[in-house]
C-alpha atoms as a PDB file:
ATOM      1  CA  MET A   1      34.342 -90.979 155.038  1.00  0.00           C
ATOM      2  CA  LEU A   2      36.448 -88.149 156.473  1.00  0.00           C
ATOM      3  CA  CYS A   3      35.922 -84.426 155.927  1.00  0.00           C
ATOM      4  CA  LEU A   4      38.181 -83.255 153.114  1.00  0.00           C
ATOM      5  CA  TYR A   5      39.664 -80.440 155.201  1.00  0.00           C
ATOM      6  CA  CYS A   6      39.903 -81.930 158.712  1.00  0.00           C
ATOM      7  CA  PRO A   7      40.128 -85.410 160.275  1.00  0.00           C
ATOM      8  CA  ASP A   8      36.501 -85.491 161.443  1.00  0.00           C
ATOM      9  CA  GLU A   9      34.342 -88.385 160.306  1.00  0.00           C
ATOM     10  CA  LEU A  10      31.357 -87.226 158.253  1.00  0.00           C
ATOM     11  CA  GLY A  11      28.069 -88.262 159.821  1.00  0.00           C
ATOM     12  CA  PRO A  12      24.485 -87.073 160.359  1.00  0.00           C
ATOM     13  CA  HIS A  13      25.651 -84.784 163.179  1.00  0.00           C
ATOM     14  CA  ASN A  14      28.106 -82.726 161.128  1.00  0.00           C
ATOM     15  CA  ARG A  15      27.440 -83.218 157.410  1.00  0.00           C
ATOM     16  CA  SER A  16      27.104 -79.984 155.466  1.00  0.00           C
ATOM     17  CA  LEU A  17      25.720 -79.385 151.983  1.00  0.00           C
ATOM     18  CA  ALA A  18      28.638 -77.808 150.134  1.00  0.00           C
ATOM     19  CA  HIS A  19      28.359 -76.061 146.754  1.00  0.00           C
ATOM     20  CA  VAL A  20      31.306 -76.676 144.427  1.00  0.00           C
ATOM     21  CA  ILE A  21      30.953 -73.120 143.118  1.00  0.00           C
ATOM     22  CA  PRO A  22      29.162 -70.865 145.651  1.00  0.00           C
ATOM     23  CA  ASP A  23      25.415 -70.504 145.170  1.00  0.00           C
ATOM     24  CA  ALA A  24      25.909 -66.720 145.175  1.00  0.00           C
ATOM     25  CA  LEU A  25      27.888 -67.087 141.914  1.00  0.00           C
ATOM     26  CA  GLY A  26      25.317 -69.410 140.363  1.00  0.00           C
ATOM     27  CA  GLY A  27      26.712 -72.798 141.372  1.00  0.00           C
ATOM     28  CA  ARG A  28      24.161 -75.633 141.619  1.00  0.00           C
ATOM     29  CA  LEU A  29      26.463 -78.662 141.911  1.00  0.00           C
ATOM     30  CA  GLN A  30      26.487 -79.691 145.565  1.00  0.00           C
ATOM     31  CA  SER A  31      27.221 -82.612 147.862  1.00  0.00           C
ATOM     32  CA  ASP A  32      27.054 -83.501 151.554  1.00  0.00           C
ATOM     33  CA  GLU A  33      30.030 -85.860 151.244  1.00  0.00           C
ATOM     34  CA  ILE A  34      32.733 -83.212 150.904  1.00  0.00           C
ATOM     35  CA  CYS A  35      33.248 -81.516 154.241  1.00  0.00           C
ATOM     36  CA  CYS A  36      31.868 -81.047 157.740  1.00  0.00           C
ATOM     37  CA  HIS A  37      29.695 -78.158 158.861  1.00  0.00           C
ATOM     38  CA  PRO A  38      32.438 -76.183 160.693  1.00  0.00           C
ATOM     39  CA  CYS A  39      34.819 -76.398 157.716  1.00  0.00           C
ATOM     40  CA  ASN A  40      32.088 -75.449 155.251  1.00  0.00           C
ATOM     41  CA  ASN A  41      31.123 -72.414 157.350  1.00  0.00           C
ATOM     42  CA  SER A  42      34.748 -71.320 157.657  1.00  0.00           C
ATOM     43  CA  PHE A  43      34.927 -70.660 153.916  1.00  0.00           C
ATOM     44  CA  THR A  44      32.505 -67.725 154.231  1.00  0.00           C
ATOM     45  CA  ALA A  45      35.515 -65.575 155.144  1.00  0.00           C
ATOM     46  CA  ILE A  46      37.056 -66.105 151.700  1.00  0.00           C
ATOM     47  CA  GLU A  47      33.864 -66.463 149.670  1.00  0.00           C
ATOM     48  CA  SER A  48      32.343 -63.120 150.706  1.00  0.00           C
ATOM     49  CA  PRO A  49      35.187 -60.820 149.524  1.00  0.00           C
ATOM     50  CA  SER A  50      35.709 -62.915 146.378  1.00  0.00           C
ATOM     51  CA  ILE A  51      32.019 -62.793 145.441  1.00  0.00           C
ATOM     52  CA  ALA A  52      32.001 -59.031 146.056  1.00  0.00           C
ATOM     53  CA  VAL A  53      34.696 -58.631 143.393  1.00  0.00           C
ATOM     54  CA  ILE A  54      32.594 -60.055 140.570  1.00  0.00           C
ATOM     55  CA  ALA A  55      29.083 -59.303 141.883  1.00  0.00           C
ATOM     56  CA  PRO A  56      28.792 -55.898 140.095  1.00  0.00           C
ATOM     57  CA  VAL A  57      29.626 -57.514 136.751  1.00  0.00           C
ATOM     58  CA  SER A  58      27.240 -60.394 137.455  1.00  0.00           C
ATOM     59  CA  ALA A  59      24.414 -58.054 138.427  1.00  0.00           C
ATOM     60  CA  MET A  60      24.976 -55.847 135.380  1.00  0.00           C
ATOM     61  CA  MET A  61      24.861 -58.890 133.093  1.00  0.00           C
ATOM     62  CA  LYS A  62      21.611 -60.125 134.734  1.00  0.00           C
ATOM     63  CA  ALA A  63      23.382 -63.209 136.070  1.00  0.00           C
ATOM     64  CA  ARG A  64      21.537 -65.517 138.453  1.00  0.00           C
ATOM     65  CA  ARG A  65      22.304 -67.240 141.720  1.00  0.00           C
ATOM     66  CA  GLY A  66      22.059 -71.005 141.869  1.00  0.00           C
ATOM     67  CA  ASP A  67      18.459 -70.760 143.098  1.00  0.00           C
ATOM     68  CA  GLY A  68      17.529 -68.589 140.099  1.00  0.00           C
ATOM     69  CA  SER A  69      17.250 -65.256 141.945  1.00  0.00           C
ATOM     70  CA  PRO A  70      19.076 -62.224 140.507  1.00  0.00           C
ATOM     71  CA  ILE A  71      22.586 -61.516 141.756  1.00  0.00           C
ATOM     72  CA  GLU A  72      22.701 -58.095 143.434  1.00  0.00           C
ATOM     73  CA  ALA A  73      25.635 -55.822 144.229  1.00  0.00           C
ATOM     74  CA  GLU A  74      26.511 -52.464 145.711  1.00  0.00           C
ATOM     75  CA  PHE A  75      29.434 -50.240 144.727  1.00  0.00           C
ATOM     76  CA  GLU A  76      30.637 -46.651 144.876  1.00  0.00           C
ATOM     77  CA  HIS A  77      31.223 -44.412 141.865  1.00  0.00           C
ATOM     78  CA  ASP A  78      32.352 -40.763 142.039  1.00  0.00           C
ATOM     79  CA  GLY A  79      31.482 -40.645 145.727  1.00  0.00           C
ATOM     80  CA  ARG A  80      27.953 -41.939 145.136  1.00  0.00           C
ATOM     81  CA  ARG A  81      26.651 -45.370 146.129  1.00  0.00           C
ATOM     82  CA  PHE A  82      24.750 -47.563 143.690  1.00  0.00           C
ATOM     83  CA  ARG A  83      22.852 -50.825 143.834  1.00  0.00           C
ATOM     84  CA  VAL A  84      22.735 -53.105 140.786  1.00  0.00           C
ATOM     85  CA  ALA A  85      20.295 -55.945 140.214  1.00  0.00           C
ATOM     86  CA  ASP A  86      18.983 -57.644 137.085  1.00  0.00           C
ATOM     87  CA  GLY A  87      20.712 -55.159 134.792  1.00  0.00           C
ATOM     88  CA  GLY A  88      19.263 -52.071 136.518  1.00  0.00           C
ATOM     89  CA  MET A  89      21.189 -49.501 138.558  1.00  0.00           C
ATOM     90  CA  PHE A  90      19.732 -47.447 141.397  1.00  0.00           C
ATOM     91  CA  GLU A  91      21.420 -44.753 143.406  1.00  0.00           C
ATOM     92  CA  GLU A  92      21.263 -45.304 147.128  1.00  0.00           C
ATOM     93  CA  ALA A  93      20.278 -42.150 148.989  1.00  0.00           C
ATOM     94  CA  PRO A  94      22.817 -40.664 151.440  1.00  0.00           C
ATOM     95  CA  PRO A  95      23.003 -42.020 154.993  1.00  0.00           C
ATOM     96  CA  PRO A  96      21.201 -40.223 157.841  1.00  0.00           C
ATOM     97  CA  THR A  97      22.881 -37.108 159.215  1.00  0.00           C
ATOM     98  CA  ASP A  98      20.449 -36.121 161.962  1.00  0.00           C
ATOM     99  CA  ARG A  99      20.400 -39.039 164.414  1.00  0.00           C
ATOM    100  CA  GLY A 100      17.785 -40.800 162.333  1.00  0.00           C
ATOM    101  CA  ARG A 101      14.932 -38.316 162.851  1.00  0.00           C
ATOM    102  CA  GLN A 102      14.969 -37.781 159.126  1.00  0.00           C
ATOM    103  CA  TRP A 103      16.777 -40.014 156.674  1.00  0.00           C
ATOM    104  CA  ALA A 104      16.945 -40.913 153.030  1.00  0.00           C
ATOM    105  CA  ILE A 105      15.333 -43.968 151.478  1.00  0.00           C
ATOM    106  CA  PRO A 106      17.245 -46.965 150.011  1.00  0.00           C
ATOM    107  CA  ALA A 107      16.374 -48.224 146.555  1.00  0.00           C
ATOM    108  CA  ASN A 108      14.849 -51.623 147.284  1.00  0.00           C
ATOM    109  CA  ASP A 109      11.250 -51.829 148.609  1.00  0.00           C
ATOM    110  CA  ASP A 110      11.986 -54.615 151.088  1.00  0.00           C
ATOM    111  CA  ARG A 111      15.017 -52.727 152.393  1.00  0.00           C
ATOM    112  CA  GLN A 112      12.874 -49.624 152.855  1.00  0.00           C
ATOM    113  CA  VAL A 113      10.404 -51.586 154.976  1.00  0.00           C
ATOM    114  CA  SER A 114      13.187 -53.226 156.993  1.00  0.00           C
ATOM    115  CA  MET A 115      15.003 -49.941 157.557  1.00  0.00           C
ATOM    116  CA  VAL A 116      11.930 -47.980 158.665  1.00  0.00           C
ATOM    117  CA  THR A 117      10.776 -50.822 160.915  1.00  0.00           C
ATOM    118  CA  THR A 118      14.176 -50.904 162.609  1.00  0.00           C
ATOM    119  CA  MET A 119      14.230 -47.131 163.111  1.00  0.00           C
ATOM    120  CA  LEU A 120      10.775 -47.208 164.666  1.00  0.00           C
ATOM    121  CA  LYS A 121      11.700 -50.051 167.000  1.00  0.00           C
ATOM    122  CA  GLN A 122      14.897 -48.335 168.090  1.00  0.00           C
ATOM    123  CA  ARG A 123      12.889 -45.254 169.087  1.00  0.00           C
ATOM    124  CA  ARG A 124       9.993 -47.204 170.611  1.00  0.00           C
ATOM    125  CA  LEU A 125       7.612 -45.526 168.185  1.00  0.00           C
ATOM    126  CA  PRO A 126       4.443 -47.019 166.664  1.00  0.00           C
ATOM    127  CA  PRO A 127       4.049 -47.335 162.882  1.00  0.00           C
ATOM    128  CA  GLU A 128       1.659 -44.333 162.968  1.00  0.00           C
ATOM    129  CA  ALA A 129       4.749 -42.175 163.598  1.00  0.00           C
ATOM    130  CA  ILE A 130       5.589 -42.184 159.872  1.00  0.00           C
ATOM    131  CA  ILE A 131       2.094 -40.850 159.104  1.00  0.00           C
ATOM    132  CA  ASP A 132       1.825 -38.103 161.754  1.00  0.00           C
ATOM    133  CA  GLY A 133       5.382 -36.862 161.244  1.00  0.00           C
ATOM    134  CA  ARG A 134       7.018 -37.979 164.462  1.00  0.00           C
ATOM    135  CA  LEU A 135       9.472 -39.815 162.225  1.00  0.00           C
ATOM    136  CA  ALA A 136      10.008 -38.009 158.927  1.00  0.00           C
ATOM    137  CA  VAL A 137      10.895 -39.911 155.770  1.00  0.00           C
ATOM    138  CA  ARG A 138      12.724 -37.942 153.118  1.00  0.00           C
ATOM    139  CA  ASP A 139      11.916 -39.117 149.589  1.00  0.00           C
ATOM    140  CA  ALA A 140      14.596 -39.087 146.914  1.00  0.00           C
ATOM    141  CA  PRO A 141      13.423 -38.079 143.396  1.00  0.00           C
ATOM    142  CA  ALA A 142      12.186 -40.943 141.256  1.00  0.00           C
ATOM    143  CA  GLU A 143      13.138 -39.267 137.960  1.00  0.00           C
ATOM    144  CA  PRO A 144      16.213 -40.397 136.050  1.00  0.00           C
ATOM    145  CA  ASP A 145      19.401 -38.996 137.513  1.00  0.00           C
ATOM    146  CA  PRO A 146      20.224 -35.771 135.586  1.00  0.00           C
ATOM    147  CA  HIS A 147      23.839 -36.936 135.619  1.00  0.00           C
ATOM    148  CA  GLY A 148      22.717 -40.336 134.347  1.00  0.00           C
ATOM    149  CA  LEU A 149      25.149 -43.188 134.121  1.00  0.00           C
ATOM    150  CA  THR A 150      24.463 -44.264 130.571  1.00  0.00           C
ATOM    151  CA  ASN A 151      27.723 -46.210 130.379  1.00  0.00           C
ATOM    152  CA  PRO A 152      27.197 -49.815 131.557  1.00  0.00           C
ATOM    153  CA  ASP A 153      30.868 -49.876 132.650  1.00  0.00           C
ATOM    154  CA  ALA A 154      30.202 -47.218 135.296  1.00  0.00           C
ATOM    155  CA  GLY A 155      31.298 -48.414 138.691  1.00  0.00           C
ATOM    156  CA  VAL A 156      32.491 -51.765 137.326  1.00  0.00           C
ATOM    157  CA  THR A 157      36.226 -52.366 137.289  1.00  0.00           C
ATOM    158  CA  ARG A 158      37.483 -53.318 133.839  1.00  0.00           C
ATOM    159  CA  ASN A 159      40.504 -55.162 135.236  1.00  0.00           C
ATOM    160  CA  MET A 160      38.945 -57.317 137.938  1.00  0.00           C
ATOM    161  CA  GLU A 161      41.119 -57.794 140.997  1.00  0.00           C
ATOM    162  CA  TRP A 162      41.249 -61.579 141.051  1.00  0.00           C
ATOM    163  CA  GLY A 163      44.439 -62.884 142.561  1.00  0.00           C
ATOM    164  CA  PHE A 164      44.522 -61.621 146.134  1.00  0.00           C
ATOM    165  CA  PRO A 165      44.697 -64.298 148.876  1.00  0.00           C
ATOM    166  CA  ALA A 166      40.929 -64.800 149.344  1.00  0.00           C
ATOM    167  CA  THR A 167      40.257 -65.354 145.633  1.00  0.00           C
ATOM    168  CA  LYS A 168      43.206 -67.722 145.255  1.00  0.00           C
ATOM    169  CA  ARG A 169      42.107 -69.775 148.251  1.00  0.00           C
ATOM    170  CA  LEU A 170      38.539 -69.857 146.910  1.00  0.00           C
ATOM    171  CA  GLN A 171      39.785 -71.219 143.589  1.00  0.00           C
ATOM    172  CA  PHE A 172      41.642 -73.999 145.415  1.00  0.00           C
ATOM    173  CA  LYS A 173      38.554 -74.730 147.529  1.00  0.00           C
ATOM    174  CA  ILE A 174      36.359 -74.958 144.401  1.00  0.00           C
ATOM    175  CA  ALA A 175      38.856 -77.292 142.710  1.00  0.00           C
ATOM    176  CA  CYS A 176      39.194 -79.536 145.773  1.00  0.00           C
ATOM    177  CA  ASP A 177      35.405 -79.661 146.180  1.00  0.00           C
ATOM    178  CA  LEU A 178      34.895 -80.628 142.529  1.00  0.00           C
ATOM    179  CA  LEU A 179      37.461 -83.395 142.857  1.00  0.00           C
ATOM    180  CA  ALA A 180      35.858 -84.629 146.105  1.00  0.00           C
ATOM    181  CA  HIS A 181      32.431 -84.586 144.456  1.00  0.00           C
ATOM    182  CA  SER A 182      33.560 -86.412 141.296  1.00  0.00           C
ATOM    183  CA  ARG A 183      36.487 -88.601 142.436  1.00  0.00           C
ATOM    184  CA  PRO A 184      36.385 -88.931 146.242  1.00  0.00           C
ATOM    185  CA  ASP A 185      38.972 -91.720 146.051  1.00  0.00           C
ATOM    186  CA  LEU A 186      41.516 -89.360 144.488  1.00  0.00           C
ATOM    187  CA  ALA A 187      40.549 -86.175 146.343  1.00  0.00           C
ATOM    188  CA  ARG A 188      41.782 -87.431 149.704  1.00  0.00           C
ATOM    189  CA  SER A 189      45.253 -88.415 148.491  1.00  0.00           C
ATOM    190  CA  ASN A 190      47.915 -87.103 150.898  1.00  0.00           C
ATOM    191  CA  ILE A 191      49.723 -85.625 147.898  1.00  0.00           C
ATOM    192  CA  LEU A 192      46.973 -82.981 147.819  1.00  0.00           C
ATOM    193  CA  ARG A 193      47.287 -82.096 151.502  1.00  0.00           C
ATOM    194  CA  PRO A 194      49.107 -78.780 150.793  1.00  0.00           C
ATOM    195  CA  ALA A 195      46.198 -77.764 148.536  1.00  0.00           C
ATOM    196  CA  TRP A 196      43.587 -78.583 151.222  1.00  0.00           C
ATOM    197  CA  VAL A 197      45.589 -76.720 153.883  1.00  0.00           C
ATOM    198  CA  TYR A 198      45.980 -73.682 151.621  1.00  0.00           C
ATOM    199  CA  ALA A 199      42.251 -73.584 150.846  1.00  0.00           C
ATOM    200  CA  ARG A 200      41.188 -74.080 154.477  1.00  0.00           C
ATOM    201  CA  HIS A 201      43.841 -72.091 156.366  1.00  0.00           C
ATOM    202  CA  GLY A 202      45.751 -70.004 153.804  1.00  0.00           C
ATOM    203  CA  ILE A 203      49.029 -71.699 154.708  1.00  0.00           C
ATOM    204  CA  GLY A 204      51.405 -72.144 151.793  1.00  0.00           C
ATOM    205  CA  ASP A 205      52.509 -70.285 148.691  1.00  0.00           C
ATOM    206  CA  PHE A 206      50.552 -70.895 145.491  1.00  0.00           C
ATOM    207  CA  HIS A 207      50.270 -68.821 142.339  1.00  0.00           C
ATOM    208  CA  VAL A 208      47.086 -68.373 140.306  1.00  0.00           C
ATOM    209  CA  PRO A 209      48.096 -66.564 137.098  1.00  0.00           C
ATOM    210  CA  PHE A 210      45.816 -65.504 134.297  1.00  0.00           C
ATOM    211  CA  ASP A 211      46.097 -67.788 131.266  1.00  0.00           C
ATOM    212  CA  SER A 212      43.836 -67.636 128.222  1.00  0.00           C
ATOM    213  CA  SER A 213      46.077 -69.680 125.907  1.00  0.00           C
ATOM    214  CA  THR A 214      45.874 -73.171 127.410  1.00  0.00           C
ATOM    215  CA  THR A 215      42.957 -75.347 126.355  1.00  0.00           C
ATOM    216  CA  GLY A 216      42.770 -76.839 129.853  1.00  0.00           C
ATOM    217  CA  SER A 217      40.996 -80.166 130.149  1.00  0.00           C
ATOM    218  CA  GLY A 218      39.657 -79.989 126.615  1.00  0.00           C
ATOM    219  CA  LEU A 219      36.219 -81.032 127.919  1.00  0.00           C
ATOM    220  CA  ASP A 220      34.558 -77.610 127.953  1.00  0.00           C
ATOM    221  CA  GLU A 221      33.827 -75.318 125.036  1.00  0.00           C
ATOM    222  CA  VAL A 222      35.440 -72.168 126.427  1.00  0.00           C
ATOM    223  CA  SER A 223      34.160 -70.019 123.547  1.00  0.00           C
ATOM    224  CA  ALA A 224      30.528 -70.454 124.649  1.00  0.00           C
ATOM    225  CA  ALA A 225      29.342 -67.109 125.998  1.00  0.00           C
ATOM    226  CA  TYR A 226      28.637 -66.179 129.624  1.00  0.00           C
ATOM    227  CA  ARG A 227      29.860 -69.414 131.180  1.00  0.00           C
ATOM    228  CA  HIS A 228      31.569 -70.080 134.505  1.00  0.00           C
ATOM    229  CA  VAL A 229      33.719 -73.193 134.479  1.00  0.00           C
ATOM    230  CA  ILE A 230      36.026 -75.126 136.800  1.00  0.00           C
ATOM    231  CA  GLU A 231      38.302 -77.722 135.222  1.00  0.00           C
ATOM    232  CA  ILE A 232      40.771 -80.178 136.758  1.00  0.00           C
ATOM    233  CA  TRP A 233      43.230 -82.186 134.679  1.00  0.00           C
ATOM    234  CA  THR A 234      46.504 -84.048 134.887  1.00  0.00           C
ATOM    235  CA  ARG A 235      49.552 -83.427 132.770  1.00  0.00           C
ATOM    236  CA  GLY A 236      52.315 -85.863 133.596  1.00  0.00           C
ATOM    237  CA  SER A 237      53.095 -85.472 137.297  1.00  0.00           C
ATOM    238  CA  SER A 238      51.159 -82.196 137.608  1.00  0.00           C
ATOM    239  CA  LEU A 239      47.532 -81.643 138.562  1.00  0.00           C
ATOM    240  CA  HIS A 240      46.060 -78.352 137.336  1.00  0.00           C
ATOM    241  CA  ALA A 241      42.818 -76.517 137.958  1.00  0.00           C
ATOM    242  CA  ARG A 242      41.436 -73.631 135.932  1.00  0.00           C
ATOM    243  CA  LEU A 243      38.598 -71.331 136.955  1.00  0.00           C
ATOM    244  CA  GLY A 244      36.868 -69.468 134.123  1.00  0.00           C
ATOM    245  CA  LEU A 245      34.560 -66.520 134.847  1.00  0.00           C
ATOM    246  CA  PHE A 246      32.190 -65.118 132.212  1.00  0.00           C
ATOM    247  CA  THR A 247      34.102 -67.188 129.605  1.00  0.00           C
ATOM    248  CA  GLU A 248      36.787 -64.517 129.186  1.00  0.00           C
ATOM    249  CA  LEU A 249      38.581 -64.553 132.550  1.00  0.00           C
ATOM    250  CA  ARG A 250      40.560 -67.770 133.101  1.00  0.00           C
ATOM    251  CA  PHE A 251      42.906 -68.366 136.032  1.00  0.00           C
ATOM    252  CA  VAL A 252      45.091 -71.471 136.311  1.00  0.00           C
ATOM    253  CA  ALA A 253      46.438 -73.043 139.488  1.00  0.00           C
ATOM    254  CA  THR A 254      48.679 -76.058 139.996  1.00  0.00           C
ATOM    255  CA  LEU A 255      47.397 -78.211 142.851  1.00  0.00           C
ATOM    256  CA  THR A 256      50.515 -80.426 142.913  1.00  0.00           C
ATOM    257  CA  THR A 257      53.572 -81.278 140.821  1.00  0.00           C
ATOM    258  CA  CYS A 258      53.940 -84.703 142.466  1.00  0.00           C
ATOM    259  CA  TRP A 259      50.839 -86.456 141.136  1.00  0.00           C
ATOM    260  CA  ASP A 260      51.263 -90.226 141.027  1.00  0.00           C
ATOM    261  CA  GLY A 261      47.638 -91.215 140.430  1.00  0.00           C
ATOM    262  CA  PRO A 262      45.800 -91.960 137.182  1.00  0.00           C
ATOM    263  CA  ALA A 263      45.468 -89.448 134.365  1.00  0.00           C
ATOM    264  CA  PHE A 264      42.006 -87.867 134.280  1.00  0.00           C
ATOM    265  CA  ARG A 265      40.010 -84.775 133.350  1.00  0.00           C
ATOM    266  CA  ILE A 266      36.924 -83.200 134.959  1.00  0.00           C
ATOM    267  CA  SER A 267      34.888 -80.155 133.967  1.00  0.00           C
ATOM    268  CA  TYR A 268      31.865 -78.445 135.518  1.00  0.00           C
ATOM    269  CA  SER A 269      30.385 -75.437 133.740  1.00  0.00           C
ATOM    270  CA  PHE A 270      27.152 -73.474 133.562  1.00  0.00           C
ATOM    271  CA  ASN A 271      25.635 -70.420 131.935  1.00  0.00           C
ATOM    272  CA  CYS A 272      25.831 -67.628 134.523  1.00  0.00           C
ATOM    273  CA  LEU A 273      22.624 -66.106 133.069  1.00  0.00           C
ATOM    274  CA  ASN A 274      20.811 -69.436 133.469  1.00  0.00           C
ATOM    275  CA  PRO A 275      22.577 -71.739 135.975  1.00  0.00           C
ATOM    276  CA  LYS A 276      20.214 -74.604 135.134  1.00  0.00           C
ATOM    277  CA  ASP A 277      22.082 -74.799 131.819  1.00  0.00           C
ATOM    278  CA  MET A 278      24.979 -76.776 133.303  1.00  0.00           C
ATOM    279  CA  SER A 279      27.166 -79.722 132.393  1.00  0.00           C
ATOM    280  CA  VAL A 280      29.585 -82.048 134.188  1.00  0.00           C
ATOM    281  CA  ALA A 281      32.036 -83.948 131.989  1.00  0.00           C
ATOM    282  CA  PHE A 282      34.713 -86.581 132.668  1.00  0.00           C
ATOM    283  CA  GLY A 283      37.538 -87.931 130.559  1.00  0.00           C
ATOM    284  CA  ASP A 284      40.603 -90.136 130.705  1.00  0.00           C
ATOM    285  CA  GLY A 285      44.122 -89.101 129.789  1.00  0.00           C
ATOM    286  CA  ASP A 286      46.022 -85.846 130.240  1.00  0.00           C
ATOM    287  CA  GLY A 287      44.857 -82.350 129.431  1.00  0.00           C
ATOM    288  CA  ASP A 288      46.843 -79.471 127.968  1.00  0.00           C
ATOM    289  CA  PHE A 289      50.175 -77.980 129.040  1.00  0.00           C
ATOM    290  CA  VAL A 290      50.069 -74.898 131.238  1.00  0.00           C
ATOM    291  CA  VAL A 291      52.210 -72.268 129.541  1.00  0.00           C
ATOM    292  CA  ARG A 292      54.347 -70.275 131.965  1.00  0.00           C
ATOM    293  CA  LYS A 293      54.235 -66.581 131.119  1.00  0.00           C
ATOM    294  CA  SER A 294      55.923 -63.488 132.488  1.00  0.00           C
ATOM    295  CA  SER A 295      53.814 -61.341 134.828  1.00  0.00           C
ATOM    296  CA  ASP A 296      53.737 -58.614 132.157  1.00  0.00           C
ATOM    297  CA  GLY A 297      52.462 -61.049 129.540  1.00  0.00           C
ATOM    298  CA  ALA A 298      49.756 -62.411 131.835  1.00  0.00           C
ATOM    299  CA  HIS A 299      48.729 -58.871 132.781  1.00  0.00           C
ATOM    300  CA  ARG A 300      48.363 -57.841 129.127  1.00  0.00           C
ATOM    301  CA  GLU A 301      46.218 -60.920 128.484  1.00  0.00           C
ATOM    302  CA  LEU A 302      44.045 -60.017 131.483  1.00  0.00           C
ATOM    303  CA  LEU A 303      43.552 -56.456 130.219  1.00  0.00           C
ATOM    304  CA  ASP A 304      42.534 -57.765 126.793  1.00  0.00           C
ATOM    305  CA  ALA A 305      40.108 -60.285 128.322  1.00  0.00           C
ATOM    306  CA  SER A 306      38.627 -57.603 130.598  1.00  0.00           C
ATOM    307  CA  ALA A 307      38.050 -55.370 127.576  1.00  0.00           C
ATOM    308  CA  ARG A 308      36.256 -58.222 125.796  1.00  0.00           C
ATOM    309  CA  LEU A 309      34.100 -58.793 128.876  1.00  0.00           C
ATOM    310  CA  SER A 310      33.292 -55.085 128.923  1.00  0.00           C
ATOM    311  CA  ASP A 311      32.170 -55.287 125.289  1.00  0.00           C
ATOM    312  CA  THR A 312      29.950 -58.259 126.179  1.00  0.00           C
ATOM    313  CA  MET A 313      28.354 -56.220 128.956  1.00  0.00           C
ATOM    314  CA  LYS A 314      27.660 -53.385 126.527  1.00  0.00           C
ATOM    315  CA  ARG A 315      25.890 -55.759 124.168  1.00  0.00           C
ATOM    316  CA  LEU A 316      23.777 -57.183 126.982  1.00  0.00           C
ATOM    317  CA  THR A 317      22.914 -53.823 128.533  1.00  0.00           C
ATOM    318  CA  PRO A 318      23.037 -51.244 125.725  1.00  0.00           C
ATOM    319  CA  ASP A 319      21.134 -48.479 127.555  1.00  0.00           C
ATOM    320  CA  VAL A 320      21.697 -48.807 131.292  1.00  0.00           C
ATOM    321  CA  ARG A 321      20.789 -45.730 133.344  1.00  0.00           C
ATOM    322  CA  ALA A 322      21.077 -45.118 137.047  1.00  0.00           C
ATOM    323  CA  TYR A 323      17.885 -44.041 138.819  1.00  0.00           C
ATOM    324  CA  ARG A 324      17.542 -42.509 142.219  1.00  0.00           C
ATOM    325  CA  ALA A 325      15.646 -44.334 144.918  1.00  0.00           C
ATOM    326  CA  ASP A 326      11.880 -44.372 144.565  1.00  0.00           C
ATOM    327  CA  ALA A 327      10.282 -44.323 148.019  1.00  0.00           C
ATOM    328  CA  LEU A 328       7.194 -46.356 148.811  1.00  0.00           C
ATOM    329  CA  PRO A 329       4.119 -44.172 149.453  1.00  0.00           C
ATOM    330  CA  LEU A 330       3.653 -43.608 153.177  1.00  0.00           C
ATOM    331  CA  ASP A 331       0.342 -45.472 153.259  1.00  0.00           C
ATOM    332  CA  GLU A 332       1.975 -48.524 151.568  1.00  0.00           C
ATOM    333  CA  LEU A 333       4.954 -48.292 153.906  1.00  0.00           C
ATOM    334  CA  TYR A 334       2.572 -48.185 156.886  1.00  0.00           C
ATOM    335  CA  ARG A 335       0.576 -51.162 155.559  1.00  0.00           C
ATOM    336  CA  ARG A 336       3.695 -53.319 155.218  1.00  0.00           C
ATOM    337  CA  ILE A 337       5.199 -52.336 158.566  1.00  0.00           C
ATOM    338  CA  LYS A 338       2.118 -52.608 160.775  1.00  0.00           C
ATOM    339  CA  PRO A 339       1.865 -56.457 160.892  1.00  0.00           C
ATOM    340  CA  ALA A 340       5.273 -56.683 162.567  1.00  0.00           C
ATOM    341  CA  PHE A 341       4.066 -54.356 165.300  1.00  0.00           C
ATOM    342  CA  ASP A 342       0.694 -56.087 165.678  1.00  0.00           C
ATOM    343  CA  SER A 343       2.424 -59.427 166.268  1.00  0.00           C
ATOM    344  CA  LYS A 344       4.670 -58.037 169.019  1.00  0.00           C
ATOM    345  CA  PRO A 345       3.251 -54.911 170.691  1.00  0.00           C
ATOM    346  CA  TRP A 346       5.365 -52.834 173.050  1.00  0.00           C
ATOM    347  CA  ALA A 347       5.185 -49.527 174.866  1.00  0.00           C
ATOM    348  CA  THR A 348       5.887 -46.453 172.758  1.00  0.00           C
ATOM    349  CA  ARG A 349       6.862 -42.903 173.532  1.00  0.00           C
ATOM    350  CA  TRP A 350       6.952 -39.591 171.735  1.00  0.00           C
ATOM    351  CA  LEU A 351      10.000 -38.655 169.714  1.00  0.00           C
ATOM    352  CA  ASP A 352      10.541 -35.558 171.875  1.00  0.00           C
ATOM    353  CA  ASP A 353      11.206 -37.891 174.816  1.00  0.00           C
ATOM    354  CA  VAL A 354      14.020 -39.698 173.068  1.00  0.00           C
END
């Protein structure tokens, strides 16, 4: 079997485990019979910016990655930087301003340990330097921010910017991967070559408008809350794919208008708060029409859907507050850093010699 995106034969030397929807968005459906390792790795360039768009919403809603860990995100709001994870918001302390001799503490414990360890290594200092003051750690207050962000919308864009080139290419990649996973015989039809090329290289001109009126494949219950869904269906000589995010946001793409294969429908969906709650459905026959709308009409629909998503977030997180970073006690910081130094000792010098 050939890689979906290049002419390489798939074999033990180059097979890659590809997620239909990225693991970082909660996707658990995967296969090693879709694409080769180089092609799979190349999609990082479009997945990373696309995931960053929806990560703040996911983190605020306590959404999970495919492996069950909380989705985390960072964003800026009123010139301040925040980290969101599992429905909680923490303000990141400002960056160092004095060549690292004194710096503020990030919100996450593991990041604190990693950051301090790196700073010590860069200055060839032992872990004792954080105890005796050769490397000063400035603690940010652990009390609630006096200018607390009680609004769960804070820092989260109501009208999500989905539709720039990376997100459109990712939607095509997800659709092609689902088809290759479910119907490998149909996925590699030359009629779909423009869709593969667009997903892999960004060559071509495809539109991915917002559309909440079509019923798509008819296989997925789009009213179920908090679900991500990818659907593929035929309608006459057209092959459509719709990506739904958080139930409310639904974007439709046309993979080809020259389909000459059988009529079929495929749907893969899961609860973004619990990705193990997933379903894959198949059906024969055509799905729904895709209604062509003006850009103004699609934009109004997107604003309405974004407002509904915002209301859902408020129900899930009725009293979100932003807290400043809480630094680990110095003795705990020392205890967690010291093993790294014990395993690889090196010469140290005093800070005044730096």
